[in-house]
Amino acid sequence: MNKPTRKRHLDPDIKIRASQEYLNGVKSSSQLGHELNVDPDTILNWAKKYKLHGAACFNKSTKNQSSQTAELQKEIDHLKSTLKAKDLEIEILKKFQASLKKNV
């Protein structure tokens, strides 16, 4: 029985370099596939994506970015709420301090 293979994730810079070398005719998809230990069809897919969308196509997924954005927005909202509460607390303490000065 064969072990299930895990999908390897190569660095985006490696994918960009391989795409450029293939598209510029420096190396064939077979050569690059052998060097990087990936199927030559994978090299062809990378090159096609790179040609259509540029280097940005190899960056993190937009789904991951949108979830990070949502988390950051949640943190911003929490911090704004905390800041508003602290501003109110400071205002109350200033008024209390002013009333103490009047009574002295």
C-alpha atoms as a PDB file:
ATOM      1  CA  MET A   1       0.000   0.000   0.000  1.00  0.00           C
ATOM      2  CA  ASN A   2       1.352   3.418  -0.957  1.00  0.00           C
ATOM      3  CA  LYS A   3       1.606   6.182   1.585  1.00  0.00           C
ATOM      4  CA  PRO A   4      -0.505   9.220   0.760  1.00  0.00           C
ATOM      5  CA  THR A   5       1.766  11.981  -0.456  1.00  0.00           C
ATOM      6  CA  ARG A   6       1.699  15.383   1.161  1.00  0.00           C
ATOM      7  CA  LYS A   7       1.475  18.364  -1.078  1.00  0.00           C
ATOM      8  CA  ARG A   8       4.692  20.361  -0.839  1.00  0.00           C
ATOM      9  CA  HIS A   9       4.539  24.122  -0.804  1.00  0.00           C
ATOM     10  CA  LEU A  10       7.494  25.728  -2.481  1.00  0.00           C
ATOM     11  CA  ASP A  11       8.568  29.277  -1.807  1.00  0.00           C
ATOM     12  CA  PRO A  12       6.939  31.775  -4.206  1.00  0.00           C
ATOM     13  CA  ASP A  13      10.403  33.005  -5.265  1.00  0.00           C
ATOM     14  CA  ILE A  14      11.274  29.507  -6.494  1.00  0.00           C
ATOM     15  CA  LYS A  15       8.057  29.355  -8.520  1.00  0.00           C
ATOM     16  CA  ILE A  16       8.751  32.792 -10.016  1.00  0.00           C
ATOM     17  CA  ARG A  17      12.328  31.873 -10.927  1.00  0.00           C
ATOM     18  CA  ALA A  18      11.238  28.569 -12.480  1.00  0.00           C
ATOM     19  CA  SER A  19       8.490  30.316 -14.456  1.00  0.00           C
ATOM     20  CA  GLN A  20      10.912  32.930 -15.756  1.00  0.00           C
ATOM     21  CA  GLU A  21      13.526  30.349 -16.715  1.00  0.00           C
ATOM     22  CA  TYR A  22      10.919  28.310 -18.583  1.00  0.00           C
ATOM     23  CA  LEU A  23       9.315  31.293 -20.335  1.00  0.00           C
ATOM     24  CA  ASN A  24      12.716  32.729 -21.325  1.00  0.00           C
ATOM     25  CA  GLY A  25      13.771  29.372 -22.770  1.00  0.00           C
ATOM     26  CA  VAL A  26      16.631  28.954 -20.308  1.00  0.00           C
ATOM     27  CA  LYS A  27      15.434  25.500 -19.214  1.00  0.00           C
ATOM     28  CA  SER A  28      12.708  23.070 -20.205  1.00  0.00           C
ATOM     29  CA  SER A  29       9.829  22.115 -17.939  1.00  0.00           C
ATOM     30  CA  SER A  30      11.401  18.647 -17.646  1.00  0.00           C
ATOM     31  CA  GLN A  31      14.728  20.087 -16.479  1.00  0.00           C
ATOM     32  CA  LEU A  32      13.075  22.389 -13.956  1.00  0.00           C
ATOM     33  CA  GLY A  33      10.744  19.638 -12.778  1.00  0.00           C
ATOM     34  CA  HIS A  34      13.696  17.336 -12.188  1.00  0.00           C
ATOM     35  CA  GLU A  35      15.651  20.053 -10.315  1.00  0.00           C
ATOM     36  CA  LEU A  36      12.712  21.001  -8.098  1.00  0.00           C
ATOM     37  CA  ASN A  37      11.332  17.472  -7.755  1.00  0.00           C
ATOM     38  CA  VAL A  38       7.931  18.425  -9.169  1.00  0.00           C
ATOM     39  CA  ASP A  39       5.988  17.219 -12.178  1.00  0.00           C
ATOM     40  CA  PRO A  40       6.882  19.087 -15.403  1.00  0.00           C
ATOM     41  CA  ASP A  41       3.169  19.869 -15.838  1.00  0.00           C
ATOM     42  CA  THR A  42       3.381  21.799 -12.571  1.00  0.00           C
ATOM     43  CA  ILE A  43       6.121  23.958 -14.095  1.00  0.00           C
ATOM     44  CA  LEU A  44       3.895  24.570 -17.116  1.00  0.00           C
ATOM     45  CA  ASN A  45       1.001  25.584 -14.837  1.00  0.00           C
ATOM     46  CA  TRP A  46       3.236  27.978 -12.883  1.00  0.00           C
ATOM     47  CA  ALA A  47       4.518  29.531 -16.101  1.00  0.00           C
ATOM     48  CA  LYS A  48       0.989  29.965 -17.442  1.00  0.00           C
ATOM     49  CA  LYS A  49      -0.173  31.643 -14.203  1.00  0.00           C
ATOM     50  CA  TYR A  50       2.948  33.819 -14.103  1.00  0.00           C
ATOM     51  CA  LYS A  51       2.458  34.918 -17.704  1.00  0.00           C
ATOM     52  CA  LEU A  52      -1.198  35.846 -17.070  1.00  0.00           C
ATOM     53  CA  HIS A  53      -1.010  37.358 -13.581  1.00  0.00           C
ATOM     54  CA  GLY A  54       2.627  38.087 -12.793  1.00  0.00           C
ATOM     55  CA  ALA A  55       4.408  37.351  -9.537  1.00  0.00           C
ATOM     56  CA  ALA A  56       1.337  38.228  -7.446  1.00  0.00           C
ATOM     57  CA  CYS A  57      -0.300  34.922  -8.374  1.00  0.00           C
ATOM     58  CA  PHE A  58       2.163  33.073  -6.124  1.00  0.00           C
ATOM     59  CA  ASN A  59       1.498  35.137  -3.010  1.00  0.00           C
ATOM     60  CA  LYS A  60      -0.744  34.023  -0.152  1.00  0.00           C
ATOM     61  CA  SER A  61      -4.309  33.249  -1.060  1.00  0.00           C
ATOM     62  CA  THR A  62      -6.825  36.066  -0.969  1.00  0.00           C
ATOM     63  CA  LYS A  63      -8.975  33.905   1.325  1.00  0.00           C
ATOM     64  CA  ASN A  64      -6.169  33.876   3.868  1.00  0.00           C
ATOM     65  CA  GLN A  65      -5.657  37.613   3.422  1.00  0.00           C
ATOM     66  CA  SER A  66      -9.357  38.336   3.882  1.00  0.00           C
ATOM     67  CA  SER A  67      -9.472  36.286   7.092  1.00  0.00           C
ATOM     68  CA  GLN A  68      -6.426  38.180   8.360  1.00  0.00           C
ATOM     69  CA  THR A  69      -8.120  41.452   7.415  1.00  0.00           C
ATOM     70  CA  ALA A  70     -11.250  40.436   9.317  1.00  0.00           C
ATOM     71  CA  GLU A  71      -9.178  39.539  12.390  1.00  0.00           C
ATOM     72  CA  LEU A  72      -7.329  42.849  12.219  1.00  0.00           C
ATOM     73  CA  GLN A  73     -10.596  44.772  11.846  1.00  0.00           C
ATOM     74  CA  LYS A  74     -11.983  42.974  14.901  1.00  0.00           C
ATOM     75  CA  GLU A  75      -8.890  43.962  16.879  1.00  0.00           C
ATOM     76  CA  ILE A  76      -9.174  47.573  15.669  1.00  0.00           C
ATOM     77  CA  ASP A  77     -12.812  47.717  16.780  1.00  0.00           C
ATOM     78  CA  HIS A  78     -11.880  46.306  20.196  1.00  0.00           C
ATOM     79  CA  LEU A  79      -9.053  48.819  20.601  1.00  0.00           C
ATOM     80  CA  LYS A  80     -11.308  51.718  19.578  1.00  0.00           C
ATOM     81  CA  SER A  81     -13.852  50.615  22.172  1.00  0.00           C
ATOM     82  CA  THR A  82     -11.153  50.367  24.842  1.00  0.00           C
ATOM     83  CA  LEU A  83      -9.804  53.795  23.902  1.00  0.00           C
ATOM     84  CA  LYS A  84     -13.280  55.320  24.117  1.00  0.00           C
ATOM     85  CA  ALA A  85     -13.765  53.829  27.599  1.00  0.00           C
ATOM     86  CA  LYS A  86     -10.368  55.129  28.741  1.00  0.00           C
ATOM     87  CA  ASP A  87     -11.129  58.610  27.359  1.00  0.00           C
ATOM     88  CA  LEU A  88     -14.394  58.623  29.316  1.00  0.00           C
ATOM     89  CA  GLU A  89     -12.576  57.470  32.449  1.00  0.00           C
ATOM     90  CA  ILE A  90      -9.999  60.264  32.063  1.00  0.00           C
ATOM     91  CA  GLU A  91     -12.761  62.859  31.598  1.00  0.00           C
ATOM     92  CA  ILE A  92     -14.532  61.669  34.765  1.00  0.00           C
ATOM     93  CA  LEU A  93     -11.287  61.768  36.760  1.00  0.00           C
ATOM     94  CA  LYS A  94     -10.536  65.293  35.509  1.00  0.00           C
ATOM     95  CA  LYS A  95     -13.971  66.480  36.618  1.00  0.00           C
ATOM     96  CA  PHE A  96     -13.552  64.773  39.985  1.00  0.00           C
ATOM     97  CA  GLN A  97     -10.143  66.366  40.443  1.00  0.00           C
ATOM     98  CA  ALA A  98     -11.572  69.798  39.567  1.00  0.00           C
ATOM     99  CA  SER A  99     -14.370  69.376  42.117  1.00  0.00           C
ATOM    100  CA  LEU A 100     -11.829  68.419  44.806  1.00  0.00           C
ATOM    101  CA  LYS A 101      -9.808  71.563  44.075  1.00  0.00           C
ATOM    102  CA  LYS A 102     -12.928  73.706  44.460  1.00  0.00           C
ATOM    103  CA  ASN A 103     -13.651  72.205  47.883  1.00  0.00           C
ATOM    104  CA  VAL A 104     -10.136  72.791  49.223  1.00  0.00           C
END
